[in-house]
């Protein structure tokens, strides 16, 4: 997984994602549109971060963290 929820309920990159970036690996998050609606929990792809995703527009937050962090 590339994202996790920190102790303050913020989406943050996992250690795996940080190491991949440091090694120069390009990660394409092509699964953003593959899952069920975020308002329904998002399915398997969002299972580790579903507690902070409330609406379908929260996918923009996911994309922002993937891109920026």
C-alpha atoms as a PDB file:
ATOM      1  CA  UNK A   1       0.000   0.000   0.000  1.00  0.00           C
ATOM      2  CA  UNK A   2       1.143   3.522  -0.733  1.00  0.00           C
ATOM      3  CA  UNK A   3      -0.877   5.453   1.836  1.00  0.00           C
ATOM      4  CA  UNK A   4      -1.724   5.080   5.482  1.00  0.00           C
ATOM      5  CA  UNK A   5      -3.460   7.098   8.188  1.00  0.00           C
ATOM      6  CA  UNK A   6      -1.281   8.734  10.843  1.00  0.00           C
ATOM      7  CA  UNK A   7      -2.173   9.287  14.504  1.00  0.00           C
ATOM      8  CA  UNK A   8      -3.890  12.581  13.632  1.00  0.00           C
ATOM      9  CA  UNK A   9      -6.085  10.966  10.932  1.00  0.00           C
ATOM     10  CA  UNK A  10      -4.104  12.468   8.052  1.00  0.00           C
ATOM     11  CA  UNK A  11      -3.343  10.593   4.870  1.00  0.00           C
ATOM     12  CA  UNK A  12       0.406  10.100   4.607  1.00  0.00           C
ATOM     13  CA  UNK A  13       2.729   8.036   2.416  1.00  0.00           C
ATOM     14  CA  UNK A  14       3.797   4.662   3.753  1.00  0.00           C
ATOM     15  CA  UNK A  15       7.435   3.801   4.334  1.00  0.00           C
ATOM     16  CA  UNK A  16       7.238   1.697   1.164  1.00  0.00           C
ATOM     17  CA  UNK A  17       6.136   4.734  -0.858  1.00  0.00           C
ATOM     18  CA  UNK A  18       8.878   6.908   0.633  1.00  0.00           C
ATOM     19  CA  UNK A  19      11.599   4.365  -0.137  1.00  0.00           C
ATOM     20  CA  UNK A  20      10.267   3.869  -3.667  1.00  0.00           C
ATOM     21  CA  UNK A  21      10.433   7.614  -4.284  1.00  0.00           C
ATOM     22  CA  UNK A  22      13.968   7.831  -2.839  1.00  0.00           C
ATOM     23  CA  UNK A  23      15.035   5.057  -5.211  1.00  0.00           C
ATOM     24  CA  UNK A  24      13.560   6.960  -8.147  1.00  0.00           C
ATOM     25  CA  UNK A  25      10.777   4.482  -8.863  1.00  0.00           C
ATOM     26  CA  UNK A  26       7.815   5.953 -10.660  1.00  0.00           C
ATOM     27  CA  UNK A  27       4.523   4.840  -9.197  1.00  0.00           C
ATOM     28  CA  UNK A  28       1.358   5.115 -11.247  1.00  0.00           C
ATOM     29  CA  UNK A  29      -1.800   5.130  -9.150  1.00  0.00           C
ATOM     30  CA  UNK A  30      -4.042   3.693 -11.824  1.00  0.00           C
ATOM     31  CA  UNK A  31      -6.442   2.095  -9.336  1.00  0.00           C
ATOM     32  CA  UNK A  32      -8.118   5.364  -8.323  1.00  0.00           C
ATOM     33  CA  UNK A  33     -11.109   4.757 -10.574  1.00  0.00           C
ATOM     34  CA  UNK A  34     -11.258   0.976 -10.163  1.00  0.00           C
ATOM     35  CA  UNK A  35     -12.868   0.870  -6.759  1.00  0.00           C
ATOM     36  CA  UNK A  36     -16.359   1.221  -5.428  1.00  0.00           C
ATOM     37  CA  UNK A  37     -17.587   4.671  -4.400  1.00  0.00           C
ATOM     38  CA  UNK A  38     -15.631   6.121  -1.475  1.00  0.00           C
ATOM     39  CA  UNK A  39     -18.901   6.946   0.249  1.00  0.00           C
ATOM     40  CA  UNK A  40     -19.421   3.149   0.358  1.00  0.00           C
ATOM     41  CA  UNK A  41     -15.966   2.440   1.773  1.00  0.00           C
ATOM     42  CA  UNK A  42     -14.033   2.293  -1.496  1.00  0.00           C
ATOM     43  CA  UNK A  43     -13.536  -1.451  -1.582  1.00  0.00           C
ATOM     44  CA  UNK A  44     -10.259  -3.356  -1.254  1.00  0.00           C
ATOM     45  CA  UNK A  45      -7.993  -0.664  -2.721  1.00  0.00           C
ATOM     46  CA  UNK A  46      -8.951   1.814  -0.010  1.00  0.00           C
ATOM     47  CA  UNK A  47      -9.349  -0.658   2.862  1.00  0.00           C
ATOM     48  CA  UNK A  48      -6.354   0.623   4.855  1.00  0.00           C
ATOM     49  CA  UNK A  49      -7.414   4.280   4.690  1.00  0.00           C
ATOM     50  CA  UNK A  50     -11.206   4.060   4.500  1.00  0.00           C
ATOM     51  CA  UNK A  51     -11.656   5.482   8.008  1.00  0.00           C
ATOM     52  CA  UNK A  52     -10.713   8.966   6.747  1.00  0.00           C
ATOM     53  CA  UNK A  53     -12.559   8.851   3.418  1.00  0.00           C
ATOM     54  CA  UNK A  54     -16.114  10.121   3.690  1.00  0.00           C
ATOM     55  CA  UNK A  55     -17.202  11.325   0.236  1.00  0.00           C
ATOM     56  CA  UNK A  56     -16.355  10.458  -3.343  1.00  0.00           C
ATOM     57  CA  UNK A  57     -14.490  13.753  -3.681  1.00  0.00           C
ATOM     58  CA  UNK A  58     -11.959  12.508  -1.100  1.00  0.00           C
ATOM     59  CA  UNK A  59     -10.233  10.770  -4.015  1.00  0.00           C
ATOM     60  CA  UNK A  60      -8.726  14.210  -4.712  1.00  0.00           C
ATOM     61  CA  UNK A  61      -7.083  14.105  -1.269  1.00  0.00           C
ATOM     62  CA  UNK A  62      -5.682  10.671  -2.093  1.00  0.00           C
ATOM     63  CA  UNK A  63      -4.323  11.914  -5.406  1.00  0.00           C
ATOM     64  CA  UNK A  64      -2.797  14.980  -3.745  1.00  0.00           C
ATOM     65  CA  UNK A  65      -0.921  12.924  -1.142  1.00  0.00           C
ATOM     66  CA  UNK A  66       0.287  10.499  -3.816  1.00  0.00           C
ATOM     67  CA  UNK A  67       1.568  13.362  -5.931  1.00  0.00           C
ATOM     68  CA  UNK A  68       2.890  15.800  -3.313  1.00  0.00           C
ATOM     69  CA  UNK A  69       4.239  13.543  -0.591  1.00  0.00           C
END
